[in-house]
Amino acid sequence: MKLRETKNMINRERYKEIKKYDHRQLEEFLRALYHQAFNDGQESAAKQGGKGIETLINALNSGECKGVKGATATKIREFALEKGLISCEQ
């Protein structure tokens, strides 16, 4: 996982400003921070070039993981779909 280029995301002035926030302002700040982090994560995942569940299943079926093939790989995929860990699109 790559961290941002800048050493500190929040400088001293910004920190002092945040300390003075009321509940609403802090919630807005945290929500914006969350959305930015989420979007950064989506961009990072998109850059992986299609490495999804099908890539994993194909690797398992090819025997790359000793002891896991065919039926076991299929069970893993079905389990992940059932639990909502992945979507059908992947």
PDB file of N, CA and C in Angstrom:
ATOM      1  N   MET A   1       0.841  -1.166   0.000  1.00  0.00           N
ATOM      2  CA  MET A   1       0.000   0.000   0.000  1.00  0.00           C
ATOM      3  C   MET A   1       0.891   1.235   0.000  1.00  0.00           C
ATOM      4  N   LYS A   2       0.649   2.126  -0.927  1.00  0.00           N
ATOM      5  CA  LYS A   2       1.451   3.327  -1.065  1.00  0.00           C
ATOM      6  C   LYS A   2       0.814   4.479  -0.295  1.00  0.00           C
ATOM      7  N   LEU A   3       1.621   5.138   0.517  1.00  0.00           N
ATOM      8  CA  LEU A   3       1.133   6.300   1.251  1.00  0.00           C
ATOM      9  C   LEU A   3       1.228   7.528   0.367  1.00  0.00           C
ATOM     10  N   ARG A   4       0.549   8.558   0.766  1.00  0.00           N
ATOM     11  CA  ARG A   4       0.587   9.812   0.010  1.00  0.00           C
ATOM     12  C   ARG A   4       2.024  10.320  -0.084  1.00  0.00           C
ATOM     13  N   GLU A   5       2.266  11.159  -1.103  1.00  0.00           N
ATOM     14  CA  GLU A   5       3.599  11.681  -1.338  1.00  0.00           C
ATOM     15  C   GLU A   5       4.068  12.599  -0.214  1.00  0.00           C
ATOM     16  N   THR A   6       3.157  13.386   0.362  1.00  0.00           N
ATOM     17  CA  THR A   6       3.554  14.301   1.421  1.00  0.00           C
ATOM     18  C   THR A   6       3.784  13.526   2.706  1.00  0.00           C
ATOM     19  N   LYS A   7       4.721  14.032   3.499  1.00  0.00           N
ATOM     20  CA  LYS A   7       5.057  13.341   4.742  1.00  0.00           C
ATOM     21  C   LYS A   7       3.893  13.398   5.736  1.00  0.00           C
ATOM     22  N   ASN A   8       3.338  14.586   5.914  1.00  0.00           N
ATOM     23  CA  ASN A   8       2.225  14.761   6.845  1.00  0.00           C
ATOM     24  C   ASN A   8       0.994  15.226   6.082  1.00  0.00           C
ATOM     25  N   MET A   9      -0.105  14.518   6.245  1.00  0.00           N
ATOM     26  CA  MET A   9      -1.345  14.908   5.584  1.00  0.00           C
ATOM     27  C   MET A   9      -1.936  16.155   6.250  1.00  0.00           C
ATOM     28  N   ILE A  10      -1.690  16.300   7.550  1.00  0.00           N
ATOM     29  CA  ILE A  10      -2.232  17.436   8.289  1.00  0.00           C
ATOM     30  C   ILE A  10      -1.065  18.187   8.913  1.00  0.00           C
ATOM     31  N   ASN A  11      -0.921  19.452   8.533  1.00  0.00           N
ATOM     32  CA  ASN A  11       0.140  20.258   9.131  1.00  0.00           C
ATOM     33  C   ASN A  11      -0.350  20.841  10.463  1.00  0.00           C
ATOM     34  N   ARG A  12       0.521  21.536  11.140  1.00  0.00           N
ATOM     35  CA  ARG A  12       0.205  22.073  12.468  1.00  0.00           C
ATOM     36  C   ARG A  12      -0.984  23.039  12.423  1.00  0.00           C
ATOM     37  N   GLU A  13      -1.041  23.912  11.426  1.00  0.00           N
ATOM     38  CA  GLU A  13      -2.145  24.867  11.322  1.00  0.00           C
ATOM     39  C   GLU A  13      -3.475  24.151  11.123  1.00  0.00           C
ATOM     40  N   ARG A  14      -3.479  23.171  10.254  1.00  0.00           N
ATOM     41  CA  ARG A  14      -4.705  22.405   9.989  1.00  0.00           C
ATOM     42  C   ARG A  14      -5.136  21.659  11.249  1.00  0.00           C
ATOM     43  N   TYR A  15      -4.171  21.111  11.986  1.00  0.00           N
ATOM     44  CA  TYR A  15      -4.460  20.392  13.219  1.00  0.00           C
ATOM     45  C   TYR A  15      -5.144  21.299  14.244  1.00  0.00           C
ATOM     46  N   LYS A  16      -4.621  22.492  14.392  1.00  0.00           N
ATOM     47  CA  LYS A  16      -5.221  23.449  15.341  1.00  0.00           C
ATOM     48  C   LYS A  16      -6.648  23.801  14.917  1.00  0.00           C
ATOM     49  N   GLU A  17      -6.847  23.950  13.613  1.00  0.00           N
ATOM     50  CA  GLU A  17      -8.177  24.259  13.086  1.00  0.00           C
ATOM     51  C   GLU A  17      -9.152  23.117  13.382  1.00  0.00           C
ATOM     52  N   ILE A  18      -8.704  21.895  13.175  1.00  0.00           N
ATOM     53  CA  ILE A  18      -9.560  20.723  13.406  1.00  0.00           C
ATOM     54  C   ILE A  18      -9.924  20.596  14.884  1.00  0.00           C
ATOM     55  N   LYS A  19      -8.987  20.915  15.765  1.00  0.00           N
ATOM     56  CA  LYS A  19      -9.252  20.829  17.207  1.00  0.00           C
ATOM     57  C   LYS A  19     -10.409  21.732  17.635  1.00  0.00           C
ATOM     58  N   LYS A  20     -10.641  22.795  16.892  1.00  0.00           N
ATOM     59  CA  LYS A  20     -11.693  23.739  17.244  1.00  0.00           C
ATOM     60  C   LYS A  20     -13.052  23.382  16.649  1.00  0.00           C
ATOM     61  N   TYR A  21     -13.116  22.321  15.853  1.00  0.00           N
ATOM     62  CA  TYR A  21     -14.374  21.938  15.205  1.00  0.00           C
ATOM     63  C   TYR A  21     -15.425  21.524  16.224  1.00  0.00           C
ATOM     64  N   ASP A  22     -16.682  21.842  15.903  1.00  0.00           N
ATOM     65  CA  ASP A  22     -17.783  21.288  16.681  1.00  0.00           C
ATOM     66  C   ASP A  22     -18.139  19.928  16.074  1.00  0.00           C
ATOM     67  N   HIS A  23     -19.137  19.270  16.614  1.00  0.00           N
ATOM     68  CA  HIS A  23     -19.481  17.912  16.156  1.00  0.00           C
ATOM     69  C   HIS A  23     -19.826  17.874  14.670  1.00  0.00           C
ATOM     70  N   ARG A  24     -20.609  18.823  14.223  1.00  0.00           N
ATOM     71  CA  ARG A  24     -21.030  18.845  12.815  1.00  0.00           C
ATOM     72  C   ARG A  24     -19.835  19.029  11.883  1.00  0.00           C
ATOM     73  N   GLN A  25     -18.972  19.980  12.214  1.00  0.00           N
ATOM     74  CA  GLN A  25     -17.798  20.237  11.379  1.00  0.00           C
ATOM     75  C   GLN A  25     -16.867  19.029  11.340  1.00  0.00           C
ATOM     76  N   LEU A  26     -16.670  18.403  12.495  1.00  0.00           N
ATOM     77  CA  LEU A  26     -15.800  17.226  12.543  1.00  0.00           C
ATOM     78  C   LEU A  26     -16.395  16.090  11.725  1.00  0.00           C
ATOM     79  N   GLU A  27     -17.698  15.914  11.824  1.00  0.00           N
ATOM     80  CA  GLU A  27     -18.356  14.867  11.050  1.00  0.00           C
ATOM     81  C   GLU A  27     -18.212  15.121   9.555  1.00  0.00           C
ATOM     82  N   GLU A  28     -18.369  16.362   9.133  1.00  0.00           N
ATOM     83  CA  GLU A  28     -18.204  16.716   7.722  1.00  0.00           C
ATOM     84  C   GLU A  28     -16.765  16.460   7.263  1.00  0.00           C
ATOM     85  N   PHE A  29     -15.800  16.846   8.102  1.00  0.00           N
ATOM     86  CA  PHE A  29     -14.392  16.631   7.780  1.00  0.00           C
ATOM     87  C   PHE A  29     -14.090  15.142   7.637  1.00  0.00           C
ATOM     88  N   LEU A  30     -14.563  14.350   8.581  1.00  0.00           N
ATOM     89  CA  LEU A  30     -14.306  12.910   8.544  1.00  0.00           C
ATOM     90  C   LEU A  30     -15.005  12.244   7.367  1.00  0.00           C
ATOM     91  N   ARG A  31     -16.206  12.703   7.048  1.00  0.00           N
ATOM     92  CA  ARG A  31     -16.926  12.157   5.903  1.00  0.00           C
ATOM     93  C   ARG A  31     -16.155  12.441   4.604  1.00  0.00           C
ATOM     94  N   ALA A  32     -15.660  13.667   4.458  1.00  0.00           N
ATOM     95  CA  ALA A  32     -14.881  14.029   3.265  1.00  0.00           C
ATOM     96  C   ALA A  32     -13.589  13.211   3.200  1.00  0.00           C
ATOM     97  N   LEU A  33     -12.945  13.031   4.339  1.00  0.00           N
ATOM     98  CA  LEU A  33     -11.720  12.233   4.405  1.00  0.00           C
ATOM     99  C   LEU A  33     -11.999  10.783   4.017  1.00  0.00           C
ATOM    100  N   TYR A  34     -13.094  10.238   4.525  1.00  0.00           N
ATOM    101  CA  TYR A  34     -13.488   8.865   4.190  1.00  0.00           C
ATOM    102  C   TYR A  34     -13.726   8.712   2.689  1.00  0.00           C
ATOM    103  N   HIS A  35     -14.472   9.645   2.110  1.00  0.00           N
ATOM    104  CA  HIS A  35     -14.780   9.567   0.676  1.00  0.00           C
ATOM    105  C   HIS A  35     -13.506   9.678  -0.163  1.00  0.00           C
ATOM    106  N   GLN A  36     -12.594  10.537   0.253  1.00  0.00           N
ATOM    107  CA  GLN A  36     -11.336  10.672  -0.476  1.00  0.00           C
ATOM    108  C   GLN A  36     -10.540   9.361  -0.390  1.00  0.00           C
ATOM    109  N   ALA A  37     -10.483   8.768   0.787  1.00  0.00           N
ATOM    110  CA  ALA A  37      -9.764   7.503   0.956  1.00  0.00           C
ATOM    111  C   ALA A  37     -10.433   6.394   0.155  1.00  0.00           C
ATOM    112  N   PHE A  38     -11.752   6.369   0.152  1.00  0.00           N
ATOM    113  CA  PHE A  38     -12.490   5.360  -0.612  1.00  0.00           C
ATOM    114  C   PHE A  38     -12.187   5.491  -2.097  1.00  0.00           C
ATOM    115  N   ASN A  39     -12.227   6.728  -2.599  1.00  0.00           N
ATOM    116  CA  ASN A  39     -11.938   6.964  -4.015  1.00  0.00           C
ATOM    117  C   ASN A  39     -10.496   6.596  -4.354  1.00  0.00           C
ATOM    118  N   ASP A  40      -9.556   6.897  -3.451  1.00  0.00           N
ATOM    119  CA  ASP A  40      -8.167   6.496  -3.660  1.00  0.00           C
ATOM    120  C   ASP A  40      -8.055   4.979  -3.745  1.00  0.00           C
ATOM    121  N   GLY A  41      -8.805   4.283  -2.910  1.00  0.00           N
ATOM    122  CA  GLY A  41      -8.803   2.821  -2.934  1.00  0.00           C
ATOM    123  C   GLY A  41      -9.377   2.271  -4.219  1.00  0.00           C
ATOM    124  N   GLN A  42     -10.439   2.886  -4.711  1.00  0.00           N
ATOM    125  CA  GLN A  42     -11.023   2.445  -5.979  1.00  0.00           C
ATOM    126  C   GLN A  42     -10.049   2.651  -7.130  1.00  0.00           C
ATOM    127  N   GLU A  43      -9.365   3.785  -7.138  1.00  0.00           N
ATOM    128  CA  GLU A  43      -8.383   4.046  -8.191  1.00  0.00           C
ATOM    129  C   GLU A  43      -7.257   3.030  -8.128  1.00  0.00           C
ATOM    130  N   SER A  44      -6.814   2.726  -6.931  1.00  0.00           N
ATOM    131  CA  SER A  44      -5.737   1.755  -6.757  1.00  0.00           C
ATOM    132  C   SER A  44      -6.171   0.377  -7.242  1.00  0.00           C
ATOM    133  N   ALA A  45      -7.398  -0.010  -6.930  1.00  0.00           N
ATOM    134  CA  ALA A  45      -7.912  -1.311  -7.364  1.00  0.00           C
ATOM    135  C   ALA A  45      -8.048  -1.362  -8.877  1.00  0.00           C
ATOM    136  N   ALA A  46      -8.455  -0.251  -9.480  1.00  0.00           N
ATOM    137  CA  ALA A  46      -8.600  -0.211 -10.932  1.00  0.00           C
ATOM    138  C   ALA A  46      -7.251  -0.354 -11.629  1.00  0.00           C
ATOM    139  N   LYS A  47      -6.196   0.132 -10.990  1.00  0.00           N
ATOM    140  CA  LYS A  47      -4.855   0.060 -11.565  1.00  0.00           C
ATOM    141  C   LYS A  47      -4.273  -1.353 -11.521  1.00  0.00           C
ATOM    142  N   GLN A  48      -4.895  -2.251 -10.752  1.00  0.00           N
ATOM    143  CA  GLN A  48      -4.385  -3.618 -10.640  1.00  0.00           C
ATOM    144  C   GLN A  48      -4.591  -4.400 -11.927  1.00  0.00           C
ATOM    145  N   GLY A  49      -5.416  -3.910 -12.797  1.00  0.00           N
ATOM    146  CA  GLY A  49      -5.571  -4.535 -14.096  1.00  0.00           C
ATOM    147  C   GLY A  49      -6.385  -5.812 -14.107  1.00  0.00           C
ATOM    148  N   GLY A  50      -7.547  -5.797 -13.513  1.00  0.00           N
ATOM    149  CA  GLY A  50      -8.463  -6.922 -13.625  1.00  0.00           C
ATOM    150  C   GLY A  50      -8.170  -8.099 -12.716  1.00  0.00           C
ATOM    151  N   LYS A  51      -7.379  -7.890 -11.685  1.00  0.00           N
ATOM    152  CA  LYS A  51      -7.126  -8.977 -10.750  1.00  0.00           C
ATOM    153  C   LYS A  51      -8.329  -9.091  -9.818  1.00  0.00           C
ATOM    154  N   GLY A  52      -9.198 -10.011 -10.124  1.00  0.00           N
ATOM    155  CA  GLY A  52     -10.402 -10.189  -9.330  1.00  0.00           C
ATOM    156  C   GLY A  52     -10.560 -11.637  -8.921  1.00  0.00           C
ATOM    157  N   ILE A  53     -11.769 -11.984  -8.583  1.00  0.00           N
ATOM    158  CA  ILE A  53     -12.046 -13.335  -8.104  1.00  0.00           C
ATOM    159  C   ILE A  53     -11.785 -14.376  -9.175  1.00  0.00           C
ATOM    160  N   GLU A  54     -12.084 -14.060 -10.418  1.00  0.00           N
ATOM    161  CA  GLU A  54     -11.854 -15.040 -11.487  1.00  0.00           C
ATOM    162  C   GLU A  54     -10.366 -15.341 -11.643  1.00  0.00           C
ATOM    163  N   THR A  55      -9.522 -14.331 -11.489  1.00  0.00           N
ATOM    164  CA  THR A  55      -8.078 -14.542 -11.534  1.00  0.00           C
ATOM    165  C   THR A  55      -7.655 -15.467 -10.405  1.00  0.00           C
ATOM    166  N   LEU A  56      -8.229 -15.249  -9.223  1.00  0.00           N
ATOM    167  CA  LEU A  56      -7.935 -16.105  -8.073  1.00  0.00           C
ATOM    168  C   LEU A  56      -8.388 -17.534  -8.330  1.00  0.00           C
ATOM    169  N   ILE A  57      -9.606 -17.703  -8.802  1.00  0.00           N
ATOM    170  CA  ILE A  57     -10.137 -19.046  -9.058  1.00  0.00           C
ATOM    171  C   ILE A  57      -9.300 -19.757 -10.110  1.00  0.00           C
ATOM    172  N   ASN A  58      -8.920 -19.052 -11.169  1.00  0.00           N
ATOM    173  CA  ASN A  58      -8.086 -19.661 -12.207  1.00  0.00           C
ATOM    174  C   ASN A  58      -6.736 -20.089 -11.647  1.00  0.00           C
ATOM    175  N   ALA A  59      -6.156 -19.264 -10.781  1.00  0.00           N
ATOM    176  CA  ALA A  59      -4.875 -19.619 -10.162  1.00  0.00           C
ATOM    177  C   ALA A  59      -5.033 -20.845  -9.265  1.00  0.00           C
ATOM    178  N   LEU A  60      -6.134 -20.915  -8.521  1.00  0.00           N
ATOM    179  CA  LEU A  60      -6.369 -22.079  -7.661  1.00  0.00           C
ATOM    180  C   LEU A  60      -6.589 -23.335  -8.497  1.00  0.00           C
ATOM    181  N   ASN A  61      -7.377 -23.214  -9.556  1.00  0.00           N
ATOM    182  CA  ASN A  61      -7.645 -24.364 -10.428  1.00  0.00           C
ATOM    183  C   ASN A  61      -6.391 -24.871 -11.130  1.00  0.00           C
ATOM    184  N   SER A  62      -5.444 -23.972 -11.394  1.00  0.00           N
ATOM    185  CA  SER A  62      -4.221 -24.377 -12.086  1.00  0.00           C
ATOM    186  C   SER A  62      -3.244 -25.071 -11.150  1.00  0.00           C
ATOM    187  N   GLY A  63      -3.552 -25.116  -9.861  1.00  0.00           N
ATOM    188  CA  GLY A  63      -2.704 -25.822  -8.913  1.00  0.00           C
ATOM    189  C   GLY A  63      -1.625 -24.962  -8.296  1.00  0.00           C
ATOM    190  N   GLU A  64      -1.720 -23.649  -8.429  1.00  0.00           N
ATOM    191  CA  GLU A  64      -0.707 -22.762  -7.863  1.00  0.00           C
ATOM    192  C   GLU A  64      -0.691 -22.816  -6.335  1.00  0.00           C
ATOM    193  N   CYS A  65      -1.821 -23.156  -5.738  1.00  0.00           N
ATOM    194  CA  CYS A  65      -1.895 -23.303  -4.285  1.00  0.00           C
ATOM    195  C   CYS A  65      -2.055 -24.793  -3.993  1.00  0.00           C
ATOM    196  N   LYS A  66      -1.037 -25.378  -3.430  1.00  0.00           N
ATOM    197  CA  LYS A  66      -1.020 -26.819  -3.191  1.00  0.00           C
ATOM    198  C   LYS A  66      -2.235 -27.255  -2.363  1.00  0.00           C
ATOM    199  N   GLY A  67      -2.964 -28.233  -2.882  1.00  0.00           N
ATOM    200  CA  GLY A  67      -4.102 -28.804  -2.173  1.00  0.00           C
ATOM    201  C   GLY A  67      -5.442 -28.152  -2.476  1.00  0.00           C
ATOM    202  N   VAL A  68      -5.442 -27.096  -3.269  1.00  0.00           N
ATOM    203  CA  VAL A  68      -6.693 -26.419  -3.610  1.00  0.00           C
ATOM    204  C   VAL A  68      -6.862 -26.448  -5.117  1.00  0.00           C
ATOM    205  N   LYS A  69      -7.884 -27.145  -5.574  1.00  0.00           N
ATOM    206  CA  LYS A  69      -8.195 -27.235  -7.005  1.00  0.00           C
ATOM    207  C   LYS A  69      -9.696 -27.354  -7.173  1.00  0.00           C
ATOM    208  N   GLY A  70     -10.134 -27.402  -8.398  1.00  0.00           N
ATOM    209  CA  GLY A  70     -11.496 -27.673  -8.816  1.00  0.00           C
ATOM    210  C   GLY A  70     -12.608 -27.351  -7.856  1.00  0.00           C
ATOM    211  N   ALA A  71     -13.102 -28.383  -7.190  1.00  0.00           N
ATOM    212  CA  ALA A  71     -14.284 -28.242  -6.334  1.00  0.00           C
ATOM    213  C   ALA A  71     -14.037 -27.271  -5.185  1.00  0.00           C
ATOM    214  N   THR A  72     -12.853 -27.310  -4.613  1.00  0.00           N
ATOM    215  CA  THR A  72     -12.545 -26.412  -3.498  1.00  0.00           C
ATOM    216  C   THR A  72     -12.522 -24.967  -3.966  1.00  0.00           C
ATOM    217  N   ALA A  73     -11.925 -24.732  -5.123  1.00  0.00           N
ATOM    218  CA  ALA A  73     -11.888 -23.377  -5.676  1.00  0.00           C
ATOM    219  C   ALA A  73     -13.302 -22.878  -5.962  1.00  0.00           C
ATOM    220  N   THR A  74     -14.137 -23.742  -6.485  1.00  0.00           N
ATOM    221  CA  THR A  74     -15.530 -23.382  -6.760  1.00  0.00           C
ATOM    222  C   THR A  74     -16.277 -23.075  -5.473  1.00  0.00           C
ATOM    223  N   LYS A  75     -16.037 -23.869  -4.429  1.00  0.00           N
ATOM    224  CA  LYS A  75     -16.680 -23.630  -3.131  1.00  0.00           C
ATOM    225  C   LYS A  75     -16.259 -22.275  -2.564  1.00  0.00           C
ATOM    226  N   ILE A  76     -14.987 -21.938  -2.728  1.00  0.00           N
ATOM    227  CA  ILE A  76     -14.501 -20.644  -2.237  1.00  0.00           C
ATOM    228  C   ILE A  76     -15.235 -19.518  -2.954  1.00  0.00           C
ATOM    229  N   ARG A  77     -15.372 -19.628  -4.261  1.00  0.00           N
ATOM    230  CA  ARG A  77     -16.066 -18.606  -5.047  1.00  0.00           C
ATOM    231  C   ARG A  77     -17.524 -18.496  -4.617  1.00  0.00           C
ATOM    232  N   GLU A  78     -18.206 -19.632  -4.490  1.00  0.00           N
ATOM    233  CA  GLU A  78     -19.616 -19.630  -4.089  1.00  0.00           C
ATOM    234  C   GLU A  78     -19.799 -19.045  -2.698  1.00  0.00           C
ATOM    235  N   PHE A  79     -18.899 -19.388  -1.787  1.00  0.00           N
ATOM    236  CA  PHE A  79     -18.961 -18.863  -0.426  1.00  0.00           C
ATOM    237  C   PHE A  79     -18.823 -17.338  -0.434  1.00  0.00           C
ATOM    238  N   ALA A  80     -17.851 -16.839  -1.196  1.00  0.00           N
ATOM    239  CA  ALA A  80     -17.620 -15.399  -1.261  1.00  0.00           C
ATOM    240  C   ALA A  80     -18.829 -14.683  -1.867  1.00  0.00           C
ATOM    241  N   LEU A  81     -19.447 -15.262  -2.883  1.00  0.00           N
ATOM    242  CA  LEU A  81     -20.632 -14.668  -3.477  1.00  0.00           C
ATOM    243  C   LEU A  81     -21.795 -14.663  -2.489  1.00  0.00           C
ATOM    244  N   GLU A  82     -21.977 -15.796  -1.815  1.00  0.00           N
ATOM    245  CA  GLU A  82     -23.080 -15.939  -0.862  1.00  0.00           C
ATOM    246  C   GLU A  82     -22.968 -14.943   0.295  1.00  0.00           C
ATOM    247  N   LYS A  83     -21.760 -14.728   0.784  1.00  0.00           N
ATOM    248  CA  LYS A  83     -21.536 -13.824   1.922  1.00  0.00           C
ATOM    249  C   LYS A  83     -21.455 -12.352   1.505  1.00  0.00           C
ATOM    250  N   GLY A  84     -21.514 -12.110   0.195  1.00  0.00           N
ATOM    251  CA  GLY A  84     -21.461 -10.742  -0.287  1.00  0.00           C
ATOM    252  C   GLY A  84     -20.057 -10.150  -0.272  1.00  0.00           C
ATOM    253  N   LEU A  85     -19.051 -10.998  -0.185  1.00  0.00           N
ATOM    254  CA  LEU A  85     -17.677 -10.526  -0.174  1.00  0.00           C
ATOM    255  C   LEU A  85     -17.207 -10.081  -1.555  1.00  0.00           C
ATOM    256  N   ILE A  86     -17.872 -10.629  -2.576  1.00  0.00           N
ATOM    257  CA  ILE A  86     -17.591 -10.248  -3.955  1.00  0.00           C
ATOM    258  C   ILE A  86     -18.929 -10.100  -4.671  1.00  0.00           C
ATOM    259  N   SER A  87     -18.888  -9.471  -5.828  1.00  0.00           N
ATOM    260  CA  SER A  87     -20.097  -9.360  -6.624  1.00  0.00           C
ATOM    261  C   SER A  87     -19.939 -10.225  -7.861  1.00  0.00           C
ATOM    262  N   CYS A  88     -21.004 -10.468  -8.560  1.00  0.00           N
ATOM    263  CA  CYS A  88     -20.972 -11.287  -9.766  1.00  0.00           C
ATOM    264  C   CYS A  88     -20.137 -10.638 -10.849  1.00  0.00           C
ATOM    265  N   GLU A  89     -19.970  -9.317 -10.787  1.00  0.00           N
ATOM    266  CA  GLU A  89     -19.230  -8.570 -11.798  1.00  0.00           C
ATOM    267  C   GLU A  89     -17.757  -8.893 -11.776  1.00  0.00           C
ATOM    268  N   GLN A  90     -17.238  -9.337 -10.639  1.00  0.00           N
ATOM    269  CA  GLN A  90     -15.798  -9.557 -10.507  1.00  0.00           C
ATOM    270  C   GLN A  90     -15.363 -10.814 -11.201  1.00  0.00           C
TER     271      GLN A  90
END
